[in-house]
Amino acid sequence: METYTAMRHFADSWGLLAMTLFFIGAVIFAFRPGSRSLADEAARIPLKDD
């Protein structure tokens, strides 16, 4: 089997699953309880010196 074909089969199956799990994890991390105050604080960092 060619290297390209093997990599293509891997990306089509396990790569898609890995990216989907990463996306779900990122969404859960962003919307977890208590993250709003941390996100608001981080959003104000550029304006602190004004």
Protein backbone atom coordinates (compact mmCIF):
# COMPACT_ATOMS: atom_id res chain seq x y z
CA MET A 1 0.00 0.00 0.00
CA GLU A 2 1.28 3.44 -0.83
CA THR A 3 2.02 5.89 1.93
CA TYR A 4 -0.46 8.41 0.55
CA THR A 5 -3.24 5.83 0.42
CA ALA A 6 -2.56 4.70 3.98
CA MET A 7 -2.54 8.27 5.26
CA ARG A 8 -5.74 9.01 3.33
CA HIS A 9 -7.55 6.06 4.88
CA PHE A 10 -6.34 7.07 8.35
CA ALA A 11 -7.50 10.67 7.87
CA ASP A 12 -10.88 9.56 6.55
CA SER A 13 -11.61 7.41 9.57
CA TRP A 14 -9.64 8.16 12.74
CA GLY A 15 -8.65 11.71 11.82
CA LEU A 16 -12.25 12.78 11.46
CA LEU A 17 -13.11 11.15 14.78
CA ALA A 18 -10.20 12.88 16.52
CA MET A 19 -11.17 16.30 15.12
CA THR A 20 -14.80 15.79 16.14
CA LEU A 21 -13.81 14.84 19.69
CA PHE A 22 -11.48 17.84 19.91
CA PHE A 23 -14.28 20.17 18.75
CA ILE A 24 -16.74 18.75 21.28
CA GLY A 25 -14.12 19.10 24.02
CA ALA A 26 -13.43 22.72 23.07
CA VAL A 27 -17.14 23.57 23.12
CA ILE A 28 -17.59 21.91 26.53
CA PHE A 29 -14.51 23.76 27.84
CA ALA A 30 -15.81 27.12 26.57
CA PHE A 31 -19.33 26.69 27.99
CA ARG A 32 -18.45 25.06 31.31
CA PRO A 33 -19.91 26.62 34.47
CA GLY A 34 -17.82 29.48 35.81
CA SER A 35 -16.01 30.26 32.57
CA ARG A 36 -17.97 33.43 31.84
CA SER A 37 -16.15 35.48 34.46
CA LEU A 38 -12.76 34.29 33.21
CA ALA A 39 -13.69 35.06 29.61
CA ASP A 40 -14.95 38.54 30.54
CA GLU A 41 -11.72 39.22 32.42
CA ALA A 42 -9.61 38.06 29.47
CA ALA A 43 -11.66 40.23 27.10
CA ARG A 44 -10.88 43.34 29.17
CA ILE A 45 -7.08 42.83 29.12
CA PRO A 46 -6.43 45.09 26.06
CA LEU A 47 -8.42 47.93 27.67
CA LYS A 48 -6.79 47.82 31.12
CA ASP A 49 -4.29 50.61 30.45
CA ASP A 50 -6.93 53.10 29.31
